[in-house]
Amino acid sequence: MAAPAEGGDELLEKKIHFRFKDKALLAEALTHKSYAMEQGGMPFNERLEFLGDSVFNTVIAAFLYGRYPDVDEGRLSKLKSQLVARASLLAWGRELKIGQFLKLSDSEEMTGGRERESLTANVMEALIGAIFLDQGFEPAQKFILSHYEKKKRIIETDYKSKLQEMIQKKYKMPPAYMVVGETGPDHDKTFEIEARIKKKLLGKGEGKSKKEAEQDAAHAALKKLR
């Protein structure tokens, strides 16, 4: 059975700046179903994923509602969809190197489960769910928002939409986004993207997902055009 080294849970608690009162919740959040079945039916993280997904969406929705009192429902939904996208959770999980703390079956380990994108995003949801059950909504909210604000992932503006409006008026067509570089291993890539119009470079950006890199490129373009 592929379990992380002893003391791994404590190391993760240090990385996320959160100390669990009920250590069993953290253990459950990090336990994949395959490992649980090999162990004879111990608790695994799928129910926590379900709960964490709801908490995550509620925290982001409440944040956006409070931060942007004059923004309509359609715009709020668009902002929320960017922040709660699987790619966002995946990038966060990779930064934490969450895969190294997972408990997986031998077969799951051998087929690359520790670096699988779906497992990385799922365990981040389970971790949020575990924090919520352990100490309530406010600590879960703090955990989520401190990360997003620290990494400047709270999107003050949808830069792509703003750039498109500007370019559409002038050129009667939207800007194009092209991947011009990828660095890092498959499980931890950084994308480089250029925003262009009729071969003219508008801006260049990077990010842990293509969407994030496109927003960064659009932001750079807007800075140049203002």
C-alpha atoms as a PDB file:
ATOM      1  CA  MET A   1       0.000   0.000   0.000  1.00  0.00           C
ATOM      2  CA  ALA A   2       1.343   3.408  -1.009  1.00  0.00           C
ATOM      3  CA  ALA A   3       1.104   5.671   2.012  1.00  0.00           C
ATOM      4  CA  PRO A   4       3.205   8.808   2.582  1.00  0.00           C
ATOM      5  CA  ALA A   5       6.097   8.797   5.034  1.00  0.00           C
ATOM      6  CA  GLU A   6       5.339   9.076   8.738  1.00  0.00           C
ATOM      7  CA  GLY A   7       4.881  12.670   9.861  1.00  0.00           C
ATOM      8  CA  GLY A   8       3.470  13.722   6.498  1.00  0.00           C
ATOM      9  CA  ASP A   9       0.184  14.953   7.964  1.00  0.00           C
ATOM     10  CA  GLU A  10       2.032  17.285  10.352  1.00  0.00           C
ATOM     11  CA  LEU A  11       4.125  18.632   7.496  1.00  0.00           C
ATOM     12  CA  LEU A  12       0.976  19.386   5.503  1.00  0.00           C
ATOM     13  CA  GLU A  13      -0.575  21.171   8.497  1.00  0.00           C
ATOM     14  CA  LYS A  14       2.492  23.427   8.605  1.00  0.00           C
ATOM     15  CA  LYS A  15       2.264  24.111   4.872  1.00  0.00           C
ATOM     16  CA  ILE A  16      -1.397  25.123   5.029  1.00  0.00           C
ATOM     17  CA  HIS A  17      -1.033  26.973   8.370  1.00  0.00           C
ATOM     18  CA  PHE A  18      -3.899  25.030   9.911  1.00  0.00           C
ATOM     19  CA  ARG A  19      -3.801  22.640  12.879  1.00  0.00           C
ATOM     20  CA  PHE A  20      -6.569  20.034  12.952  1.00  0.00           C
ATOM     21  CA  LYS A  21      -8.276  19.287  16.255  1.00  0.00           C
ATOM     22  CA  ASP A  22      -9.557  15.994  14.839  1.00  0.00           C
ATOM     23  CA  LYS A  23      -6.608  14.402  13.043  1.00  0.00           C
ATOM     24  CA  ALA A  24      -8.894  11.674  11.688  1.00  0.00           C
ATOM     25  CA  LEU A  25     -10.543  14.253   9.409  1.00  0.00           C
ATOM     26  CA  LEU A  26      -7.220  15.152   7.836  1.00  0.00           C
ATOM     27  CA  ALA A  27      -6.360  11.463   7.413  1.00  0.00           C
ATOM     28  CA  GLU A  28      -9.719  10.871   5.725  1.00  0.00           C
ATOM     29  CA  ALA A  29      -9.245  13.845   3.387  1.00  0.00           C
ATOM     30  CA  LEU A  30      -5.952  12.353   2.204  1.00  0.00           C
ATOM     31  CA  THR A  31      -7.214   8.783   1.774  1.00  0.00           C
ATOM     32  CA  HIS A  32      -8.175   7.638  -1.708  1.00  0.00           C
ATOM     33  CA  LYS A  33     -10.907   5.053  -2.120  1.00  0.00           C
ATOM     34  CA  SER A  34      -8.461   2.526  -3.607  1.00  0.00           C
ATOM     35  CA  TYR A  35      -6.292   2.610  -0.471  1.00  0.00           C
ATOM     36  CA  ALA A  36      -9.322   2.394   1.825  1.00  0.00           C
ATOM     37  CA  MET A  37     -10.571  -0.730   0.027  1.00  0.00           C
ATOM     38  CA  GLU A  38      -7.167  -2.400   0.333  1.00  0.00           C
ATOM     39  CA  GLN A  39      -7.205  -1.612   4.036  1.00  0.00           C
ATOM     40  CA  GLY A  40     -10.585  -3.277   4.490  1.00  0.00           C
ATOM     41  CA  GLY A  41     -12.988  -0.362   4.293  1.00  0.00           C
ATOM     42  CA  MET A  42     -11.507   2.568   6.246  1.00  0.00           C
ATOM     43  CA  PRO A  43     -13.014   6.068   5.632  1.00  0.00           C
ATOM     44  CA  PHE A  44     -11.966   7.729   2.371  1.00  0.00           C
ATOM     45  CA  ASN A  45     -12.293  11.232   0.977  1.00  0.00           C
ATOM     46  CA  GLU A  46     -15.173  11.219  -1.545  1.00  0.00           C
ATOM     47  CA  ARG A  47     -17.823  12.514   0.887  1.00  0.00           C
ATOM     48  CA  LEU A  48     -15.443  15.243   2.038  1.00  0.00           C
ATOM     49  CA  GLU A  49     -14.896  16.203  -1.615  1.00  0.00           C
ATOM     50  CA  PHE A  50     -18.649  16.691  -1.985  1.00  0.00           C
ATOM     51  CA  LEU A  51     -18.791  18.883   1.114  1.00  0.00           C
ATOM     52  CA  GLY A  52     -15.636  20.811   0.251  1.00  0.00           C
ATOM     53  CA  ASP A  53     -16.913  21.617  -3.229  1.00  0.00           C
ATOM     54  CA  SER A  54     -20.019  23.245  -1.712  1.00  0.00           C
ATOM     55  CA  VAL A  55     -18.019  25.171   0.909  1.00  0.00           C
ATOM     56  CA  PHE A  56     -15.530  26.362  -1.727  1.00  0.00           C
ATOM     57  CA  ASN A  57     -18.304  27.625  -4.020  1.00  0.00           C
ATOM     58  CA  THR A  58     -20.114  29.338  -1.125  1.00  0.00           C
ATOM     59  CA  VAL A  59     -16.960  31.104   0.096  1.00  0.00           C
ATOM     60  CA  ILE A  60     -16.125  32.441  -3.363  1.00  0.00           C
ATOM     61  CA  ALA A  61     -19.736  33.451  -4.080  1.00  0.00           C
ATOM     62  CA  ALA A  62     -20.013  35.303  -0.749  1.00  0.00           C
ATOM     63  CA  PHE A  63     -16.681  37.027  -1.327  1.00  0.00           C
ATOM     64  CA  LEU A  64     -17.647  38.239  -4.798  1.00  0.00           C
ATOM     65  CA  TYR A  65     -21.102  39.357  -3.625  1.00  0.00           C
ATOM     66  CA  GLY A  66     -19.557  41.494  -0.889  1.00  0.00           C
ATOM     67  CA  ARG A  67     -16.622  42.813  -2.932  1.00  0.00           C
ATOM     68  CA  TYR A  68     -18.655  43.914  -5.953  1.00  0.00           C
ATOM     69  CA  PRO A  69     -21.987  45.429  -4.791  1.00  0.00           C
ATOM     70  CA  ASP A  70     -22.657  47.065  -8.175  1.00  0.00           C
ATOM     71  CA  VAL A  71     -21.894  44.064 -10.401  1.00  0.00           C
ATOM     72  CA  ASP A  72     -24.845  42.170 -11.897  1.00  0.00           C
ATOM     73  CA  GLU A  73     -25.563  38.443 -11.531  1.00  0.00           C
ATOM     74  CA  GLY A  74     -24.175  37.492 -14.953  1.00  0.00           C
ATOM     75  CA  ARG A  75     -20.835  39.157 -14.309  1.00  0.00           C
ATOM     76  CA  LEU A  76     -20.607  37.691 -10.802  1.00  0.00           C
ATOM     77  CA  SER A  77     -21.253  34.217 -12.227  1.00  0.00           C
ATOM     78  CA  LYS A  78     -18.478  34.683 -14.773  1.00  0.00           C
ATOM     79  CA  LEU A  79     -15.994  35.776 -12.112  1.00  0.00           C
ATOM     80  CA  LYS A  80     -17.017  32.888  -9.862  1.00  0.00           C
ATOM     81  CA  SER A  81     -16.601  30.322 -12.629  1.00  0.00           C
ATOM     82  CA  GLN A  82     -13.000  31.472 -13.152  1.00  0.00           C
ATOM     83  CA  LEU A  83     -12.137  31.188  -9.479  1.00  0.00           C
ATOM     84  CA  VAL A  84     -13.767  27.816  -8.789  1.00  0.00           C
ATOM     85  CA  ALA A  85     -12.605  26.125 -12.005  1.00  0.00           C
ATOM     86  CA  ARG A  86     -10.894  22.744 -11.635  1.00  0.00           C
ATOM     87  CA  ALA A  87      -7.744  24.277 -13.104  1.00  0.00           C
ATOM     88  CA  SER A  88      -7.633  26.696 -10.177  1.00  0.00           C
ATOM     89  CA  LEU A  89      -7.846  23.884  -7.597  1.00  0.00           C
ATOM     90  CA  LEU A  90      -5.308  21.876  -9.569  1.00  0.00           C
ATOM     91  CA  ALA A  91      -2.770  24.715  -9.550  1.00  0.00           C
ATOM     92  CA  TRP A  92      -3.294  25.219  -5.804  1.00  0.00           C
ATOM     93  CA  GLY A  93      -2.826  21.516  -5.097  1.00  0.00           C
ATOM     94  CA  ARG A  94       0.354  21.409  -7.150  1.00  0.00           C
ATOM     95  CA  GLU A  95       1.796  24.377  -5.278  1.00  0.00           C
ATOM     96  CA  LEU A  96       1.201  22.497  -2.020  1.00  0.00           C
ATOM     97  CA  LYS A  97       2.567  19.309  -3.614  1.00  0.00           C
ATOM     98  CA  ILE A  98      -0.541  17.687  -2.180  1.00  0.00           C
ATOM     99  CA  GLY A  99       0.068  14.488  -4.131  1.00  0.00           C
ATOM    100  CA  GLN A 100       2.939  13.491  -1.855  1.00  0.00           C
ATOM    101  CA  PHE A 101       0.548  13.303   1.115  1.00  0.00           C
ATOM    102  CA  LEU A 102      -2.062  11.042  -0.537  1.00  0.00           C
ATOM    103  CA  LYS A 103      -2.713   7.479   0.576  1.00  0.00           C
ATOM    104  CA  LEU A 104      -3.167   5.384  -2.568  1.00  0.00           C
ATOM    105  CA  SER A 105      -3.386   1.699  -3.465  1.00  0.00           C
ATOM    106  CA  ASP A 106      -0.334   0.150  -5.116  1.00  0.00           C
ATOM    107  CA  SER A 107      -2.159  -0.099  -8.445  1.00  0.00           C
ATOM    108  CA  GLU A 108      -3.227   3.568  -8.298  1.00  0.00           C
ATOM    109  CA  GLU A 109       0.346   4.554  -7.460  1.00  0.00           C
ATOM    110  CA  MET A 110       1.754   2.525 -10.365  1.00  0.00           C
ATOM    111  CA  THR A 111      -0.597   4.180 -12.872  1.00  0.00           C
ATOM    112  CA  GLY A 112       0.461   7.705 -11.855  1.00  0.00           C
ATOM    113  CA  GLY A 113      -2.371   8.480  -9.459  1.00  0.00           C
ATOM    114  CA  ARG A 114      -0.207  10.662  -7.247  1.00  0.00           C
ATOM    115  CA  GLU A 115       0.184  13.180 -10.079  1.00  0.00           C
ATOM    116  CA  ARG A 116      -3.258  12.719 -11.668  1.00  0.00           C
ATOM    117  CA  GLU A 117      -5.004  16.050 -12.191  1.00  0.00           C
ATOM    118  CA  SER A 118      -8.431  14.824 -11.084  1.00  0.00           C
ATOM    119  CA  LEU A 119      -7.063  13.404  -7.816  1.00  0.00           C
ATOM    120  CA  THR A 120      -5.153  16.608  -7.064  1.00  0.00           C
ATOM    121  CA  ALA A 121      -8.252  18.786  -7.481  1.00  0.00           C
ATOM    122  CA  ASN A 122     -10.423  16.291  -5.582  1.00  0.00           C
ATOM    123  CA  VAL A 123      -8.143  16.145  -2.553  1.00  0.00           C
ATOM    124  CA  MET A 124      -8.112  19.955  -2.347  1.00  0.00           C
ATOM    125  CA  GLU A 125     -11.914  19.879  -2.123  1.00  0.00           C
ATOM    126  CA  ALA A 126     -11.690  17.145   0.526  1.00  0.00           C
ATOM    127  CA  LEU A 127      -9.187  19.212   2.500  1.00  0.00           C
ATOM    128  CA  ILE A 128     -11.551  22.202   2.475  1.00  0.00           C
ATOM    129  CA  GLY A 129     -14.382  19.937   3.615  1.00  0.00           C
ATOM    130  CA  ALA A 130     -12.242  18.546   6.442  1.00  0.00           C
ATOM    131  CA  ILE A 131     -11.299  22.041   7.655  1.00  0.00           C
ATOM    132  CA  PHE A 132     -14.975  23.033   7.613  1.00  0.00           C
ATOM    133  CA  LEU A 133     -16.020  19.992   9.685  1.00  0.00           C
ATOM    134  CA  ASP A 134     -13.106  20.415  12.067  1.00  0.00           C
ATOM    135  CA  GLN A 135     -13.534  24.097  12.930  1.00  0.00           C
ATOM    136  CA  GLY A 136     -16.433  25.580  10.969  1.00  0.00           C
ATOM    137  CA  PHE A 137     -17.083  28.002   8.136  1.00  0.00           C
ATOM    138  CA  GLU A 138     -14.844  30.915   9.143  1.00  0.00           C
ATOM    139  CA  PRO A 139     -11.571  28.915   9.284  1.00  0.00           C
ATOM    140  CA  ALA A 140     -12.455  27.289   5.941  1.00  0.00           C
ATOM    141  CA  GLN A 141     -13.173  30.722   4.495  1.00  0.00           C
ATOM    142  CA  LYS A 142      -9.887  32.084   5.820  1.00  0.00           C
ATOM    143  CA  PHE A 143      -7.979  29.126   4.373  1.00  0.00           C
ATOM    144  CA  ILE A 144      -9.467  29.676   0.907  1.00  0.00           C
ATOM    145  CA  LEU A 145      -9.304  33.466   0.724  1.00  0.00           C
ATOM    146  CA  SER A 146      -5.832  33.808   2.236  1.00  0.00           C
ATOM    147  CA  HIS A 147      -4.499  31.627  -0.569  1.00  0.00           C
ATOM    148  CA  TYR A 148      -6.317  33.410  -3.362  1.00  0.00           C
ATOM    149  CA  GLU A 149      -5.488  36.887  -2.113  1.00  0.00           C
ATOM    150  CA  LYS A 150      -1.856  35.986  -1.462  1.00  0.00           C
ATOM    151  CA  LYS A 151      -1.502  34.666  -4.986  1.00  0.00           C
ATOM    152  CA  LYS A 152      -3.487  37.578  -6.444  1.00  0.00           C
ATOM    153  CA  ARG A 153      -6.037  35.178  -7.851  1.00  0.00           C
ATOM    154  CA  ILE A 154      -9.005  37.257  -6.755  1.00  0.00           C
ATOM    155  CA  ILE A 155      -9.748  38.739 -10.133  1.00  0.00           C
ATOM    156  CA  GLU A 156     -10.546  42.408  -9.702  1.00  0.00           C
ATOM    157  CA  THR A 157     -11.570  42.557 -13.306  1.00  0.00           C
ATOM    158  CA  ASP A 158     -12.148  40.110 -16.125  1.00  0.00           C
ATOM    159  CA  TYR A 159      -9.188  41.346 -18.147  1.00  0.00           C
ATOM    160  CA  LYS A 160     -10.002  39.196 -21.187  1.00  0.00           C
ATOM    161  CA  SER A 161     -13.510  40.618 -21.532  1.00  0.00           C
ATOM    162  CA  LYS A 162     -12.239  44.172 -21.048  1.00  0.00           C
ATOM    163  CA  LEU A 163      -9.517  43.703 -23.677  1.00  0.00           C
ATOM    164  CA  GLN A 164     -11.972  42.090 -26.092  1.00  0.00           C
ATOM    165  CA  GLU A 165     -14.363  45.045 -25.806  1.00  0.00           C
ATOM    166  CA  MET A 166     -11.519  47.464 -26.529  1.00  0.00           C
ATOM    167  CA  ILE A 167     -10.050  45.502 -29.457  1.00  0.00           C
ATOM    168  CA  GLN A 168     -13.444  44.645 -30.961  1.00  0.00           C
ATOM    169  CA  LYS A 169     -14.304  48.337 -31.201  1.00  0.00           C
ATOM    170  CA  LYS A 170     -11.084  49.172 -33.007  1.00  0.00           C
ATOM    171  CA  TYR A 171     -10.468  46.096 -35.187  1.00  0.00           C
ATOM    172  CA  LYS A 172     -13.982  44.578 -35.427  1.00  0.00           C
ATOM    173  CA  MET A 173     -12.557  41.242 -34.256  1.00  0.00           C
ATOM    174  CA  PRO A 174     -11.445  39.748 -30.919  1.00  0.00           C
ATOM    175  CA  PRO A 175      -7.811  39.232 -29.910  1.00  0.00           C
ATOM    176  CA  ALA A 176      -6.263  35.785 -30.349  1.00  0.00           C
ATOM    177  CA  TYR A 177      -4.446  33.913 -27.568  1.00  0.00           C
ATOM    178  CA  MET A 178      -1.564  31.587 -28.427  1.00  0.00           C
ATOM    179  CA  VAL A 179       0.514  29.289 -26.260  1.00  0.00           C
ATOM    180  CA  VAL A 180       4.141  30.202 -26.973  1.00  0.00           C
ATOM    181  CA  GLY A 181       5.848  28.238 -24.224  1.00  0.00           C
ATOM    182  CA  GLU A 182       5.457  25.560 -21.586  1.00  0.00           C
ATOM    183  CA  THR A 183       7.932  24.913 -18.782  1.00  0.00           C
ATOM    184  CA  GLY A 184       8.066  22.394 -15.974  1.00  0.00           C
ATOM    185  CA  PRO A 185       7.023  18.737 -15.706  1.00  0.00           C
ATOM    186  CA  ASP A 186       3.587  17.534 -16.838  1.00  0.00           C
ATOM    187  CA  HIS A 187       2.201  17.677 -13.295  1.00  0.00           C
ATOM    188  CA  ASP A 188       3.446  21.224 -12.643  1.00  0.00           C
ATOM    189  CA  LYS A 189       3.462  23.173 -15.899  1.00  0.00           C
ATOM    190  CA  THR A 190       3.689  26.926 -16.354  1.00  0.00           C
ATOM    191  CA  PHE A 191       2.122  28.242 -19.565  1.00  0.00           C
ATOM    192  CA  GLU A 192       3.309  31.292 -21.520  1.00  0.00           C
ATOM    193  CA  ILE A 193       0.643  32.900 -23.683  1.00  0.00           C
ATOM    194  CA  GLU A 194       0.596  35.867 -26.049  1.00  0.00           C
ATOM    195  CA  ALA A 195      -2.431  38.011 -26.854  1.00  0.00           C
ATOM    196  CA  ARG A 196      -2.298  39.205 -30.477  1.00  0.00           C
ATOM    197  CA  ILE A 197      -4.399  41.014 -33.034  1.00  0.00           C
ATOM    198  CA  LYS A 198      -3.505  40.632 -36.725  1.00  0.00           C
ATOM    199  CA  LYS A 199      -0.028  39.360 -35.785  1.00  0.00           C
ATOM    200  CA  LYS A 200       0.555  42.393 -33.540  1.00  0.00           C
ATOM    201  CA  LEU A 201       1.648  41.476 -30.016  1.00  0.00           C
ATOM    202  CA  LEU A 202      -0.649  43.037 -27.438  1.00  0.00           C
ATOM    203  CA  GLY A 203       0.651  41.416 -24.267  1.00  0.00           C
ATOM    204  CA  LYS A 204       2.339  38.369 -22.837  1.00  0.00           C
ATOM    205  CA  GLY A 205       1.420  36.452 -19.687  1.00  0.00           C
ATOM    206  CA  GLU A 206       2.033  33.278 -17.751  1.00  0.00           C
ATOM    207  CA  GLY A 207       0.176  31.062 -15.326  1.00  0.00           C
ATOM    208  CA  LYS A 208      -0.317  27.569 -13.964  1.00  0.00           C
ATOM    209  CA  SER A 209      -3.281  27.074 -16.300  1.00  0.00           C
ATOM    210  CA  LYS A 210      -3.982  28.378 -19.792  1.00  0.00           C
ATOM    211  CA  LYS A 211      -6.919  30.426 -18.511  1.00  0.00           C
ATOM    212  CA  GLU A 212      -4.757  32.074 -15.870  1.00  0.00           C
ATOM    213  CA  ALA A 213      -2.025  32.821 -18.448  1.00  0.00           C
ATOM    214  CA  GLU A 214      -4.603  34.314 -20.844  1.00  0.00           C
ATOM    215  CA  GLN A 215      -5.903  36.630 -18.094  1.00  0.00           C
ATOM    216  CA  ASP A 216      -2.313  37.651 -17.344  1.00  0.00           C
ATOM    217  CA  ALA A 217      -1.634  38.351 -21.028  1.00  0.00           C
ATOM    218  CA  ALA A 218      -4.839  40.403 -21.323  1.00  0.00           C
ATOM    219  CA  HIS A 219      -3.885  42.351 -18.195  1.00  0.00           C
ATOM    220  CA  ALA A 220      -0.449  43.125 -19.672  1.00  0.00           C
ATOM    221  CA  ALA A 221      -2.078  44.246 -22.925  1.00  0.00           C
ATOM    222  CA  LEU A 222      -4.477  46.581 -21.117  1.00  0.00           C
ATOM    223  CA  LYS A 223      -1.597  48.185 -19.229  1.00  0.00           C
ATOM    224  CA  LYS A 224       0.174  48.923 -22.532  1.00  0.00           C
ATOM    225  CA  LEU A 225      -2.942  50.251 -24.247  1.00  0.00           C
ATOM    226  CA  ARG A 226      -4.005  52.638 -21.484  1.00  0.00           C
END
